[in-house]
Protein backbone atom coordinates (compact mmCIF):
# COMPACT_ATOMS: atom_id res chain seq x y z
CA MET A 1 101.64 177.08 -154.77
CA ILE A 2 103.74 178.36 -151.88
CA PHE A 3 102.80 177.19 -148.41
CA MET A 4 103.71 179.47 -145.52
CA SER A 5 104.69 177.64 -142.36
CA VAL A 6 102.60 178.59 -139.34
CA GLN A 7 104.20 178.10 -135.96
CA ARG A 8 101.91 176.42 -133.46
CA ASP A 9 100.93 178.49 -130.44
CA PHE A 10 99.06 176.75 -127.62
CA LYS A 11 98.68 179.99 -125.68
CA LYS A 12 96.88 181.69 -128.56
CA TYR A 13 94.75 178.59 -128.98
CA HIS A 14 93.57 178.82 -125.37
CA GLU A 15 93.02 182.57 -125.72
CA SER A 16 90.78 181.79 -128.70
CA ILE A 17 88.71 179.43 -126.53
CA ALA A 18 88.10 182.27 -124.08
CA GLU A 19 87.25 184.65 -126.93
CA GLU A 20 84.81 182.10 -128.34
CA LEU A 21 83.06 181.78 -124.98
CA LEU A 22 82.63 185.54 -124.69
CA SER A 23 81.53 186.13 -128.28
CA THR A 24 79.08 183.23 -128.33
CA LYS A 25 77.39 184.21 -125.08
CA ASP A 26 76.70 187.70 -126.49
CA ARG A 27 74.87 186.52 -129.61
CA ILE A 28 71.56 185.63 -128.01
CA ARG A 29 71.64 188.74 -125.79
CA ASN A 30 71.94 190.86 -128.93
CA LEU A 31 68.81 189.15 -130.27
CA ILE A 32 66.59 189.08 -127.18
CA GLY A 33 67.76 192.24 -125.40
CA GLN A 34 67.06 192.48 -121.68
CA ALA A 35 63.52 191.09 -121.71
CA HIS A 36 64.31 187.42 -121.11
CA TRP A 37 67.24 187.15 -118.72
CA GLN A 38 66.39 183.58 -117.72
CA THR A 39 66.75 182.46 -121.34
CA ASP A 40 69.98 184.45 -121.58
CA GLY A 41 71.37 182.74 -118.46
CA GLU A 42 70.42 179.28 -119.68
CA HIS A 43 72.14 179.99 -122.97
CA LYS A 44 75.38 180.95 -121.22
CA GLU A 45 75.31 177.67 -119.30
CA ALA A 46 74.80 175.81 -122.58
CA VAL A 47 77.77 177.61 -124.15
CA LEU A 48 80.12 176.43 -121.41
CA ARG A 49 78.67 172.92 -121.47
CA LYS A 50 79.40 172.77 -125.21
CA VAL A 51 83.03 173.82 -124.71
CA LEU A 52 83.57 171.32 -121.89
CA ARG A 53 81.93 168.56 -123.92
CA MET A 54 84.36 169.26 -126.75
CA HIS A 55 87.40 168.65 -124.52
CA LEU A 56 86.33 166.04 -121.96
CA PRO A 57 86.69 162.29 -122.58
CA GLU A 58 83.71 160.46 -124.09
CA THR A 59 83.45 158.50 -120.85
CA LEU A 60 81.96 161.60 -119.19
CA HIS A 61 78.51 163.11 -119.68
CA VAL A 62 78.08 166.89 -119.52
CA GLY A 63 74.57 167.99 -118.59
CA LYS A 64 72.59 169.75 -115.88
CA GLY A 65 70.39 168.47 -113.09
CA PHE A 66 70.29 167.23 -109.53
CA VAL A 67 72.28 164.98 -107.21
CA CYS A 68 69.92 162.70 -105.25
CA CYS A 69 71.16 161.90 -101.74
CA PRO A 70 69.52 159.99 -98.86
CA GLU A 71 68.78 163.08 -96.77
CA ARG A 72 67.89 165.51 -99.56
CA ASN A 73 68.64 166.51 -103.14
CA SER A 74 71.10 169.15 -104.26
CA SER A 75 69.90 172.43 -105.69
CA GLN A 76 69.75 172.47 -109.49
CA ILE A 77 73.29 172.20 -110.86
CA ASP A 78 74.02 174.36 -113.92
CA ILE A 79 76.68 171.98 -115.21
CA LEU A 80 76.68 168.44 -113.87
CA ILE A 81 79.49 166.23 -115.16
CA THR A 82 78.92 162.53 -114.55
CA ASP A 83 80.57 159.18 -115.21
CA ARG A 84 78.91 157.34 -118.11
CA ASN A 85 79.91 154.04 -116.50
CA LYS A 86 77.61 154.76 -113.56
CA PRO A 87 73.83 154.26 -113.68
CA THR A 88 71.56 157.28 -114.14
CA LEU A 89 68.28 157.62 -112.24
CA PHE A 90 66.73 159.84 -114.92
CA LYS A 91 67.88 161.35 -118.20
CA ASP A 92 66.03 163.57 -120.66
CA GLY A 93 68.27 165.46 -123.05
CA GLU A 94 70.75 167.41 -120.93
CA LEU A 95 68.74 166.97 -117.72
CA VAL A 96 69.97 164.17 -115.46
CA LEU A 97 69.28 162.99 -111.93
CA VAL A 98 72.05 160.88 -110.44
CA THR A 99 73.28 159.45 -107.16
CA PRO A 100 76.45 160.99 -105.65
CA ASP A 101 78.77 158.20 -106.83
CA ALA A 102 78.19 159.18 -110.47
CA VAL A 103 79.28 162.80 -110.06
CA LYS A 104 82.66 164.01 -111.32
CA ALA A 105 82.09 167.76 -111.02
CA ILE A 106 79.45 170.39 -110.29
CA ILE A 107 79.73 173.89 -111.77
CA GLU A 108 77.76 177.06 -111.14
CA VAL A 109 77.59 179.53 -114.06
CA LYS A 110 76.86 183.25 -113.73
CA THR A 111 76.86 186.14 -116.17
CA SER A 112 78.22 188.42 -113.45
CA VAL A 113 78.31 188.72 -109.68
CA ASN A 114 78.42 191.66 -107.34
CA SER A 115 79.23 192.39 -103.73
CA GLY A 116 75.70 191.52 -102.66
CA THR A 117 75.43 188.17 -104.45
CA VAL A 118 78.87 186.56 -104.54
CA GLU A 119 78.81 185.24 -100.96
CA GLY A 120 75.43 183.55 -101.38
CA ILE A 121 76.46 181.98 -104.68
CA ILE A 122 79.67 180.56 -103.23
CA THR A 123 77.89 179.30 -100.10
CA LYS A 124 75.22 177.47 -102.13
CA LEU A 125 77.84 175.79 -104.31
CA SER A 126 79.89 174.88 -101.24
CA ASN A 127 76.84 173.25 -99.63
CA ASP A 128 76.09 171.20 -102.76
CA ALA A 129 79.71 170.07 -102.90
CA GLU A 130 79.57 169.01 -99.25
CA LEU A 131 76.34 167.09 -99.82
CA THR A 132 77.86 165.08 -102.67
CA ARG A 133 81.18 164.48 -100.95
CA SER A 134 79.57 163.51 -97.64
CA ASN A 135 77.71 160.70 -99.39
CA GLY A 136 80.76 158.73 -100.40
CA ASN A 137 82.17 160.75 -103.31
CA THR A 138 85.11 162.68 -101.89
CA LYS A 139 86.58 163.12 -105.39
CA CYS A 140 83.73 165.31 -106.63
CA GLN A 141 85.09 168.67 -107.83
CA ALA A 142 83.30 172.03 -107.70
CA GLY A 143 83.69 175.25 -109.65
CA LEU A 144 82.22 178.71 -110.18
CA PHE A 145 82.40 180.26 -113.66
CA VAL A 146 81.58 183.97 -114.03
CA TYR A 147 81.62 185.51 -117.50
CA GLU A 148 82.01 189.15 -116.46
CA LYS A 149 83.69 190.86 -113.52
CA ARG A 150 82.37 194.33 -114.25
CA SER A 151 79.90 194.58 -111.36
CA LEU A 152 82.06 193.10 -108.62
CA ASN A 153 83.93 195.60 -106.48
CA GLU A 154 85.47 192.97 -104.24
CA ALA A 155 89.22 192.50 -104.41
CA GLN A 156 90.82 189.09 -104.86
CA ASN A 157 91.56 188.85 -101.16
CA ARG A 158 87.86 189.34 -100.33
CA VAL A 159 86.86 186.49 -102.66
CA LEU A 160 89.44 184.30 -100.92
CA GLU A 161 87.91 185.24 -97.56
CA ILE A 162 84.48 184.14 -98.82
CA LEU A 163 85.83 180.84 -100.16
CA GLN A 164 87.51 180.17 -96.82
CA SER A 165 84.47 181.18 -94.78
CA ALA A 166 82.08 179.04 -96.84
CA SER A 167 84.26 175.96 -96.33
CA ASN A 168 84.59 176.52 -92.56
CA GLY A 169 87.83 174.54 -92.52
CA ASP A 170 86.25 171.48 -94.15
CA LYS A 171 87.71 170.06 -97.39
CA LYS A 172 84.29 168.65 -98.24
CA LYS A 173 83.02 172.21 -98.65
CA ALA A 174 85.99 173.59 -100.59
CA ILE A 175 85.44 174.98 -104.09
CA ASN A 176 88.20 173.87 -106.45
CA TRP A 177 88.14 176.45 -109.24
CA VAL A 178 86.75 179.96 -109.70
CA SER A 179 86.96 182.00 -112.90
CA LEU A 180 85.94 185.58 -112.15
CA GLY A 181 85.75 187.31 -115.49
CA PRO A 182 88.41 186.91 -118.20
CA ASP A 183 91.40 187.84 -116.02
CA HIS A 184 91.03 186.44 -112.48
CA PHE A 185 91.36 182.78 -111.57
CA PHE A 186 91.29 181.00 -108.19
CA ARG A 187 92.38 177.44 -107.47
CA PHE A 188 92.23 175.24 -104.39
CA TRP A 189 95.33 173.13 -103.78
CA GLU A 190 94.02 170.27 -101.64
CA ASN A 191 97.46 168.98 -100.67
CA GLY A 192 99.20 172.33 -100.66
CA GLN A 193 101.25 173.85 -103.45
CA ASP A 194 104.91 172.88 -103.49
CA VAL A 195 106.04 175.51 -106.01
CA HIS A 196 107.79 178.07 -103.79
CA SER A 197 104.70 178.37 -101.59
CA GLN A 198 104.66 179.80 -98.10
CA CYS A 199 101.83 177.42 -97.19
CA GLN A 200 102.36 173.65 -97.36
CA CYS A 201 98.74 172.90 -96.47
CA PRO A 202 95.32 172.98 -98.16
CA VAL A 203 95.25 176.46 -99.68
CA TRP A 204 93.61 178.70 -102.27
CA HIS A 205 95.71 180.78 -104.65
CA SER A 206 94.43 183.71 -106.70
CA TYR A 207 95.97 184.49 -110.09
CA GLU A 208 95.85 187.35 -112.56
CA LEU A 209 95.77 185.68 -115.97
CA LYS A 210 95.07 188.27 -118.65
CA LYS A 211 92.47 186.87 -121.08
CA LEU A 212 93.18 183.33 -119.88
CA SER A 213 91.07 182.89 -116.76
CA HIS A 214 88.19 181.24 -118.63
CA ALA A 215 90.48 178.99 -120.67
CA TYR A 216 92.40 177.93 -117.56
CA PHE A 217 89.11 177.13 -115.83
CA VAL A 218 88.24 174.77 -118.68
CA SER A 219 91.74 173.26 -118.68
CA ASN A 220 91.68 172.65 -114.93
CA VAL A 221 88.27 170.99 -115.12
CA VAL A 222 89.40 168.73 -117.97
CA TRP A 223 92.74 167.87 -116.37
CA ASP A 224 91.47 167.31 -112.84
CA ILE A 225 88.57 164.99 -113.63
CA SER A 226 90.10 163.01 -116.51
CA ARG A 227 91.86 159.73 -115.83
CA ASP A 228 95.48 158.76 -116.38
CA ASN A 229 96.82 162.15 -117.44
CA SER A 230 100.52 162.25 -118.23
CA LEU A 231 102.41 165.17 -116.71
CA LYS A 232 104.32 165.38 -119.98
CA MET A 233 101.09 166.53 -121.66
CA GLN A 234 100.58 169.60 -119.47
CA PHE A 235 102.27 171.78 -122.09
CA ALA A 236 99.13 171.56 -124.24
CA TRP A 237 96.64 172.41 -121.49
CA PHE A 238 98.56 175.00 -119.45
CA PRO A 239 100.49 177.00 -122.06
CA ILE A 240 101.78 179.94 -120.02
CA GLU A 241 105.55 179.81 -120.34
CA GLY A 242 107.04 179.29 -116.90
CA GLY A 243 103.65 178.33 -115.45
CA LYS A 244 100.82 180.36 -113.95
CA GLU A 245 102.42 180.44 -110.48
CA GLN A 246 104.44 183.47 -111.55
CA TYR A 247 101.11 185.34 -111.76
CA ARG A 248 99.72 184.36 -108.37
CA LYS A 249 98.68 187.27 -106.19
CA TRP A 250 97.14 186.10 -102.91
CA TYR A 251 96.74 182.93 -100.88
CA VAL A 252 94.64 181.84 -97.93
CA PRO A 253 94.77 178.50 -96.06
CA LEU A 254 91.68 176.35 -95.63
CA SER A 255 92.36 176.15 -91.89
CA GLY A 256 92.01 179.89 -91.27
CA GLY A 257 93.95 183.11 -91.16
CA GLU A 258 93.94 186.24 -93.29
CA PRO A 259 94.59 186.29 -97.06
CA THR A 260 98.22 187.18 -97.71
CA GLU A 261 99.95 188.65 -100.75
CA PHE A 262 102.72 186.52 -102.20
CA ASN A 263 105.16 189.41 -102.38
CA GLN A 264 104.98 190.03 -98.64
């Protein structure tokens, strides 16, 4: 028997994760049609939870639920990632209710967004992030995951404007990661980005990552909330040769100002 050697390819592996997300989320829609969109939306959340659960350390719990704070509770969180070493107020299957100190990340999941809905979605997520961070957990991360970009006419710079406006100059309200369809990714650099950046301050970058936006969202979640990561291991999680910074398009500071193209 002759064995053919197969060269490993981390980039193709991450592309396959994105393809799996998109193909899996379509299966139930093909079965139920357009009659039960709530079920369809819940399924898409479950698909992303499953993928995150596969990659995150066993010390973290991936579910959905509410963050209970002294003044009020959060809205329902589509994906609520919590520390298993912290106590849980309530748990029933994937549904959990926790205090802010247990939260590692909150994620909003949408099938698609459009010009009329994207601002409200980002503002709600920003408010939930602020609520959690204002109650002693400044390390809580926040993200928005959108499967499809087809119905959004806004350009990348407009999305950056909304992210900046929702935060109102406050790090506690900043959203860390946004995946807008399979190609567009946004990241908040809390301490600035030192890779040839014009802005050495808290800043969002937008990127055009063909077929890798969803995979890079997952990788950033896993990397940012896991403990004791070695920089030497980044090759496996961020496989674009030369790094994604070569594909950045726009940036906008947290403190204010207009979004600016990197080639200007």
